[in-house]
Amino acid sequence: MERDFQTLPANLPVPEDDGGADHLTGMQLPELSLDLAGGGELEPERLGQGKVVVFIYPRTGTPGLPLIEGWDQIPGARGCTPQSCAYRDRIADFGRMGVTVFGMSSQPVSEQAAFQEREGIPYPLINDSGFRLGAALSLPTFEAEGTKLYRRLTFVAVEGLITKVFYPVFPPDRNAGEVLSWLELNLDPDSRAD
């Protein structure tokens, strides 16, 4: 039976705030070149210009491949596809606000590229399989089946300065809407794109 990655199962465990992202607000983003799923590199200055939302997720599912054992029981692990697709479906709303969206995970870049094509993801997917951005920002991680993965979180940065962090993110399919609501209330109306 083919697994449905689009739908969140009922009764997923809710992640608790372990303080793993408390230090991020007010941090300056480092200047790093990171691979992009569609090929090429994210130039360091792209994260440091304008208004940026980066949502970080553990890993998306791959059709035909099993999930990590016990994936649905790990608080905050399940829901990467619904979260990514919610950003896809609301990308025009972010654009109207002059906000650039990036997704990021540590899974192999080939899996990210296949996911981007399969789901029609219009925004860049950053690959940080080397945990370079993670090390620079001390981003929270966890291990599952011997694989190190990012914990799900989202941050808003303005001119390279992290101004808001969403952590933990639950349910993940509502994250794009929550971020948009926050931006509506907190962005200077004069700075929005027409």
C-alpha atoms as a PDB file:
ATOM      1  CA  MET A   1       0.000   0.000   0.000  1.00  0.00           C
ATOM      2  CA  GLU A   2       1.352   3.433  -0.991  1.00  0.00           C
ATOM      3  CA  ARG A   3       1.824   5.759   1.976  1.00  0.00           C
ATOM      4  CA  ASP A   4       0.002   9.096   1.925  1.00  0.00           C
ATOM      5  CA  PHE A   5       2.553  11.794   2.697  1.00  0.00           C
ATOM      6  CA  GLN A   6       0.058  14.626   2.151  1.00  0.00           C
ATOM      7  CA  THR A   7      -2.164  13.824   5.124  1.00  0.00           C
ATOM      8  CA  LEU A   8      -1.181  14.003   8.765  1.00  0.00           C
ATOM      9  CA  PRO A   9      -2.190  10.958  10.804  1.00  0.00           C
ATOM     10  CA  ALA A  10      -4.474  11.509  13.773  1.00  0.00           C
ATOM     11  CA  ASN A  11      -3.010  11.544  17.273  1.00  0.00           C
ATOM     12  CA  LEU A  12       0.524  12.602  16.366  1.00  0.00           C
ATOM     13  CA  PRO A  13       2.551  13.399  19.490  1.00  0.00           C
ATOM     14  CA  VAL A  14       2.885  17.135  20.073  1.00  0.00           C
ATOM     15  CA  PRO A  15       6.477  18.352  20.398  1.00  0.00           C
ATOM     16  CA  GLU A  16       7.367  20.287  23.544  1.00  0.00           C
ATOM     17  CA  ASP A  17       9.502  23.406  23.625  1.00  0.00           C
ATOM     18  CA  ASP A  18      12.868  22.146  24.879  1.00  0.00           C
ATOM     19  CA  GLY A  19      14.479  25.590  24.675  1.00  0.00           C
ATOM     20  CA  GLY A  20      16.562  24.510  21.665  1.00  0.00           C
ATOM     21  CA  ALA A  21      15.728  27.670  19.710  1.00  0.00           C
ATOM     22  CA  ASP A  22      15.599  30.244  22.517  1.00  0.00           C
ATOM     23  CA  HIS A  23      18.956  31.748  21.488  1.00  0.00           C
ATOM     24  CA  LEU A  24      18.087  32.406  17.830  1.00  0.00           C
ATOM     25  CA  THR A  25      16.108  35.659  18.005  1.00  0.00           C
ATOM     26  CA  GLY A  26      18.515  38.538  17.445  1.00  0.00           C
ATOM     27  CA  MET A  27      21.230  36.409  15.827  1.00  0.00           C
ATOM     28  CA  GLN A  28      22.848  37.490  12.574  1.00  0.00           C
ATOM     29  CA  LEU A  29      22.733  34.897   9.788  1.00  0.00           C
ATOM     30  CA  PRO A  30      26.208  33.687   8.804  1.00  0.00           C
ATOM     31  CA  GLU A  31      27.517  34.157   5.281  1.00  0.00           C
ATOM     32  CA  LEU A  32      27.599  30.610   3.920  1.00  0.00           C
ATOM     33  CA  SER A  33      27.284  29.106   0.460  1.00  0.00           C
ATOM     34  CA  LEU A  34      24.932  26.122   0.590  1.00  0.00           C
ATOM     35  CA  ASP A  35      23.772  23.730  -2.132  1.00  0.00           C
ATOM     36  CA  LEU A  36      20.299  24.086  -3.607  1.00  0.00           C
ATOM     37  CA  ALA A  37      18.145  21.087  -4.480  1.00  0.00           C
ATOM     38  CA  GLY A  38      17.633  22.199  -8.082  1.00  0.00           C
ATOM     39  CA  GLY A  39      21.365  22.638  -8.636  1.00  0.00           C
ATOM     40  CA  GLY A  40      23.746  25.467  -7.964  1.00  0.00           C
ATOM     41  CA  GLU A  41      24.464  27.217  -4.710  1.00  0.00           C
ATOM     42  CA  LEU A  42      22.679  29.650  -2.495  1.00  0.00           C
ATOM     43  CA  GLU A  43      24.915  32.681  -2.451  1.00  0.00           C
ATOM     44  CA  PRO A  44      25.659  33.916   1.079  1.00  0.00           C
ATOM     45  CA  GLU A  45      24.066  37.308   0.567  1.00  0.00           C
ATOM     46  CA  ARG A  46      20.654  35.883  -0.457  1.00  0.00           C
ATOM     47  CA  LEU A  47      19.732  35.001   3.120  1.00  0.00           C
ATOM     48  CA  GLY A  48      20.966  38.368   4.313  1.00  0.00           C
ATOM     49  CA  GLN A  49      18.923  40.572   1.987  1.00  0.00           C
ATOM     50  CA  GLY A  50      15.405  41.794   2.556  1.00  0.00           C
ATOM     51  CA  LYS A  51      12.737  39.801   4.356  1.00  0.00           C
ATOM     52  CA  VAL A  52      13.290  36.042   4.445  1.00  0.00           C
ATOM     53  CA  VAL A  53      11.410  33.065   5.891  1.00  0.00           C
ATOM     54  CA  VAL A  54      13.363  29.829   6.310  1.00  0.00           C
ATOM     55  CA  PHE A  55      11.443  26.772   7.411  1.00  0.00           C
ATOM     56  CA  ILE A  56      13.629  23.879   8.504  1.00  0.00           C
ATOM     57  CA  TYR A  57      12.267  20.357   8.468  1.00  0.00           C
ATOM     58  CA  PRO A  58      13.646  16.859   9.210  1.00  0.00           C
ATOM     59  CA  ARG A  59      13.014  15.098   5.888  1.00  0.00           C
ATOM     60  CA  THR A  60      10.268  14.490   3.360  1.00  0.00           C
ATOM     61  CA  GLY A  61       8.999  11.015   2.573  1.00  0.00           C
ATOM     62  CA  THR A  62       9.914   9.277  -0.671  1.00  0.00           C
ATOM     63  CA  PRO A  63       7.287   7.202  -2.504  1.00  0.00           C
ATOM     64  CA  GLY A  64       8.236   3.535  -2.496  1.00  0.00           C
ATOM     65  CA  LEU A  65      10.628   3.866   0.447  1.00  0.00           C
ATOM     66  CA  PRO A  66       9.637   3.098   4.036  1.00  0.00           C
ATOM     67  CA  LEU A  67       9.632   5.777   6.691  1.00  0.00           C
ATOM     68  CA  ILE A  68      12.175   5.609   9.478  1.00  0.00           C
ATOM     69  CA  GLU A  69      10.992   3.079  12.072  1.00  0.00           C
ATOM     70  CA  GLY A  70       8.675   4.780  14.576  1.00  0.00           C
ATOM     71  CA  TRP A  71       8.657   8.067  12.601  1.00  0.00           C
ATOM     72  CA  ASP A  72       5.056   8.884  13.511  1.00  0.00           C
ATOM     73  CA  GLN A  73       5.844   8.488  17.234  1.00  0.00           C
ATOM     74  CA  ILE A  74       8.729  11.009  17.233  1.00  0.00           C
ATOM     75  CA  PRO A  75       7.235  14.341  18.368  1.00  0.00           C
ATOM     76  CA  GLY A  76       7.484  16.871  15.543  1.00  0.00           C
ATOM     77  CA  ALA A  77       8.961  14.497  12.948  1.00  0.00           C
ATOM     78  CA  ARG A  78       5.959  13.792  10.731  1.00  0.00           C
ATOM     79  CA  GLY A  79       4.498  16.443   8.436  1.00  0.00           C
ATOM     80  CA  CYS A  80       7.297  17.705   6.177  1.00  0.00           C
ATOM     81  CA  THR A  81       5.314  17.230   2.963  1.00  0.00           C
ATOM     82  CA  PRO A  82       2.143  18.974   4.233  1.00  0.00           C
ATOM     83  CA  GLN A  83       4.272  21.832   5.601  1.00  0.00           C
ATOM     84  CA  SER A  84       6.209  22.244   2.344  1.00  0.00           C
ATOM     85  CA  CYS A  85       3.039  22.096   0.259  1.00  0.00           C
ATOM     86  CA  ALA A  86       1.342  24.700   2.479  1.00  0.00           C
ATOM     87  CA  TYR A  87       4.209  27.084   1.721  1.00  0.00           C
ATOM     88  CA  ARG A  88       3.874  26.198  -1.966  1.00  0.00           C
ATOM     89  CA  ASP A  89       0.162  26.965  -1.897  1.00  0.00           C
ATOM     90  CA  ARG A  90       0.683  30.318  -0.118  1.00  0.00           C
ATOM     91  CA  ILE A  91       3.824  31.442  -1.971  1.00  0.00           C
ATOM     92  CA  ALA A  92       1.965  34.278  -3.760  1.00  0.00           C
ATOM     93  CA  ASP A  93       0.887  35.658  -0.364  1.00  0.00           C
ATOM     94  CA  PHE A  94       4.513  35.769   0.784  1.00  0.00           C
ATOM     95  CA  GLY A  95       5.496  37.383  -2.511  1.00  0.00           C
ATOM     96  CA  ARG A  96       2.909  40.139  -2.091  1.00  0.00           C
ATOM     97  CA  MET A  97       4.520  40.939   1.250  1.00  0.00           C
ATOM     98  CA  GLY A  98       7.968  41.078  -0.326  1.00  0.00           C
ATOM     99  CA  VAL A  99       9.107  37.998   1.594  1.00  0.00           C
ATOM    100  CA  THR A 100      11.388  35.325   0.118  1.00  0.00           C
ATOM    101  CA  VAL A 101      10.746  31.741   1.295  1.00  0.00           C
ATOM    102  CA  PHE A 102      13.324  28.959   1.623  1.00  0.00           C
ATOM    103  CA  GLY A 103      12.903  25.395   2.842  1.00  0.00           C
ATOM    104  CA  MET A 104      15.895  23.576   4.343  1.00  0.00           C
ATOM    105  CA  SER A 105      16.746  20.052   5.438  1.00  0.00           C
ATOM    106  CA  SER A 106      19.739  17.781   5.791  1.00  0.00           C
ATOM    107  CA  GLN A 107      18.440  14.919   3.652  1.00  0.00           C
ATOM    108  CA  PRO A 108      20.383  14.041   0.482  1.00  0.00           C
ATOM    109  CA  VAL A 109      20.166  16.755  -2.170  1.00  0.00           C
ATOM    110  CA  SER A 110      18.953  14.208  -4.749  1.00  0.00           C
ATOM    111  CA  GLU A 111      15.932  13.392  -2.541  1.00  0.00           C
ATOM    112  CA  GLN A 112      15.222  17.097  -2.092  1.00  0.00           C
ATOM    113  CA  ALA A 113      15.415  17.667  -5.867  1.00  0.00           C
ATOM    114  CA  ALA A 114      13.055  14.752  -6.561  1.00  0.00           C
ATOM    115  CA  PHE A 115      10.618  16.085  -3.945  1.00  0.00           C
ATOM    116  CA  GLN A 116      10.790  19.599  -5.400  1.00  0.00           C
ATOM    117  CA  GLU A 117       9.928  18.296  -8.856  1.00  0.00           C
ATOM    118  CA  ARG A 118       7.273  15.815  -7.675  1.00  0.00           C
ATOM    119  CA  GLU A 119       5.377  18.408  -5.592  1.00  0.00           C
ATOM    120  CA  GLY A 120       5.944  21.457  -7.816  1.00  0.00           C
ATOM    121  CA  ILE A 121       7.792  23.381  -5.105  1.00  0.00           C
ATOM    122  CA  PRO A 122       8.394  26.913  -6.461  1.00  0.00           C
ATOM    123  CA  TYR A 123      10.775  28.200  -3.771  1.00  0.00           C
ATOM    124  CA  PRO A 124      14.417  27.139  -3.255  1.00  0.00           C
ATOM    125  CA  LEU A 125      15.199  24.133  -1.069  1.00  0.00           C
ATOM    126  CA  ILE A 126      18.501  24.549   0.756  1.00  0.00           C
ATOM    127  CA  ASN A 127      20.564  21.452   1.412  1.00  0.00           C
ATOM    128  CA  ASP A 128      22.509  21.437   4.668  1.00  0.00           C
ATOM    129  CA  SER A 129      23.560  17.805   4.833  1.00  0.00           C
ATOM    130  CA  GLY A 130      26.860  18.999   6.304  1.00  0.00           C
ATOM    131  CA  PHE A 131      24.995  20.888   9.081  1.00  0.00           C
ATOM    132  CA  ARG A 132      27.036  24.025   8.350  1.00  0.00           C
ATOM    133  CA  LEU A 133      24.206  26.483   8.975  1.00  0.00           C
ATOM    134  CA  GLY A 134      23.115  24.292  11.853  1.00  0.00           C
ATOM    135  CA  ALA A 135      26.530  24.535  13.493  1.00  0.00           C
ATOM    136  CA  ALA A 136      26.765  28.296  12.933  1.00  0.00           C
ATOM    137  CA  LEU A 137      23.354  28.892  14.534  1.00  0.00           C
ATOM    138  CA  SER A 138      23.334  25.934  16.971  1.00  0.00           C
ATOM    139  CA  LEU A 139      20.084  24.670  15.447  1.00  0.00           C
ATOM    140  CA  PRO A 140      18.368  21.832  17.323  1.00  0.00           C
ATOM    141  CA  THR A 141      18.700  18.304  15.924  1.00  0.00           C
ATOM    142  CA  PHE A 142      17.688  14.760  16.816  1.00  0.00           C
ATOM    143  CA  GLU A 143      18.703  11.259  15.750  1.00  0.00           C
ATOM    144  CA  ALA A 144      16.525   8.535  14.268  1.00  0.00           C
ATOM    145  CA  GLU A 145      17.900   5.182  13.115  1.00  0.00           C
ATOM    146  CA  GLY A 146      21.416   6.576  13.437  1.00  0.00           C
ATOM    147  CA  THR A 147      20.653   9.548  11.168  1.00  0.00           C
ATOM    148  CA  LYS A 148      21.077  13.109  12.412  1.00  0.00           C
ATOM    149  CA  LEU A 149      18.172  15.348  11.381  1.00  0.00           C
ATOM    150  CA  TYR A 150      17.007  18.878  12.043  1.00  0.00           C
ATOM    151  CA  ARG A 151      14.144  19.556  14.419  1.00  0.00           C
ATOM    152  CA  ARG A 152      11.362  21.471  12.726  1.00  0.00           C
ATOM    153  CA  LEU A 153      11.537  25.234  13.168  1.00  0.00           C
ATOM    154  CA  THR A 154      10.886  28.370  11.163  1.00  0.00           C
ATOM    155  CA  PHE A 155      12.553  31.744  11.400  1.00  0.00           C
ATOM    156  CA  VAL A 156      11.956  35.171   9.909  1.00  0.00           C
ATOM    157  CA  ALA A 157      15.010  37.303   9.156  1.00  0.00           C
ATOM    158  CA  VAL A 158      15.131  40.933   8.063  1.00  0.00           C
ATOM    159  CA  GLU A 159      18.384  42.082   6.452  1.00  0.00           C
ATOM    160  CA  GLY A 160      20.107  39.004   7.873  1.00  0.00           C
ATOM    161  CA  LEU A 161      18.902  39.440  11.461  1.00  0.00           C
ATOM    162  CA  ILE A 162      16.591  36.771  12.910  1.00  0.00           C
ATOM    163  CA  THR A 163      13.558  38.626  14.226  1.00  0.00           C
ATOM    164  CA  LYS A 164      11.096  35.799  14.948  1.00  0.00           C
ATOM    165  CA  VAL A 165      11.368  32.064  15.580  1.00  0.00           C
ATOM    166  CA  PHE A 166       8.540  29.524  15.480  1.00  0.00           C
ATOM    167  CA  TYR A 167       9.519  26.522  17.611  1.00  0.00           C
ATOM    168  CA  PRO A 168       8.257  23.969  18.059  1.00  0.00           C
ATOM    169  CA  VAL A 169       6.127  23.948  14.920  1.00  0.00           C
ATOM    170  CA  PHE A 170       2.888  21.996  15.288  1.00  0.00           C
ATOM    171  CA  PRO A 171       0.848  21.113  13.410  1.00  0.00           C
ATOM    172  CA  PRO A 172       3.241  21.592  10.502  1.00  0.00           C
ATOM    173  CA  ASP A 173       0.561  22.034   7.846  1.00  0.00           C
ATOM    174  CA  ARG A 174      -0.545  25.278   9.560  1.00  0.00           C
ATOM    175  CA  ASN A 175       2.931  26.817   9.815  1.00  0.00           C
ATOM    176  CA  ALA A 176       2.760  28.835   6.583  1.00  0.00           C
ATOM    177  CA  GLY A 177      -0.519  30.431   7.693  1.00  0.00           C
ATOM    178  CA  GLU A 178       0.835  31.198  11.167  1.00  0.00           C
ATOM    179  CA  VAL A 179       3.931  32.840   9.693  1.00  0.00           C
ATOM    180  CA  LEU A 180       1.823  34.900   7.289  1.00  0.00           C
ATOM    181  CA  SER A 181      -0.395  36.060  10.167  1.00  0.00           C
ATOM    182  CA  TRP A 182       2.672  37.114  12.157  1.00  0.00           C
ATOM    183  CA  LEU A 183       4.101  38.961   9.142  1.00  0.00           C
ATOM    184  CA  GLU A 184       0.787  40.776   8.612  1.00  0.00           C
ATOM    185  CA  LEU A 185       0.911  42.094  12.163  1.00  0.00           C
ATOM    186  CA  ASN A 186       4.622  42.850  12.324  1.00  0.00           C
ATOM    187  CA  LEU A 187       5.803  44.002   8.911  1.00  0.00           C
ATOM    188  CA  ASP A 188       5.960  47.688   8.172  1.00  0.00           C
ATOM    189  CA  PRO A 189       3.132  48.238   5.634  1.00  0.00           C
ATOM    190  CA  ASP A 190       5.328  50.710   3.724  1.00  0.00           C
ATOM    191  CA  SER A 191       7.969  48.004   3.129  1.00  0.00           C
ATOM    192  CA  ARG A 192       5.658  45.517   1.386  1.00  0.00           C
ATOM    193  CA  ALA A 193       5.846  44.729  -2.315  1.00  0.00           C
ATOM    194  CA  ASP A 194       3.005  46.051  -4.489  1.00  0.00           C
END
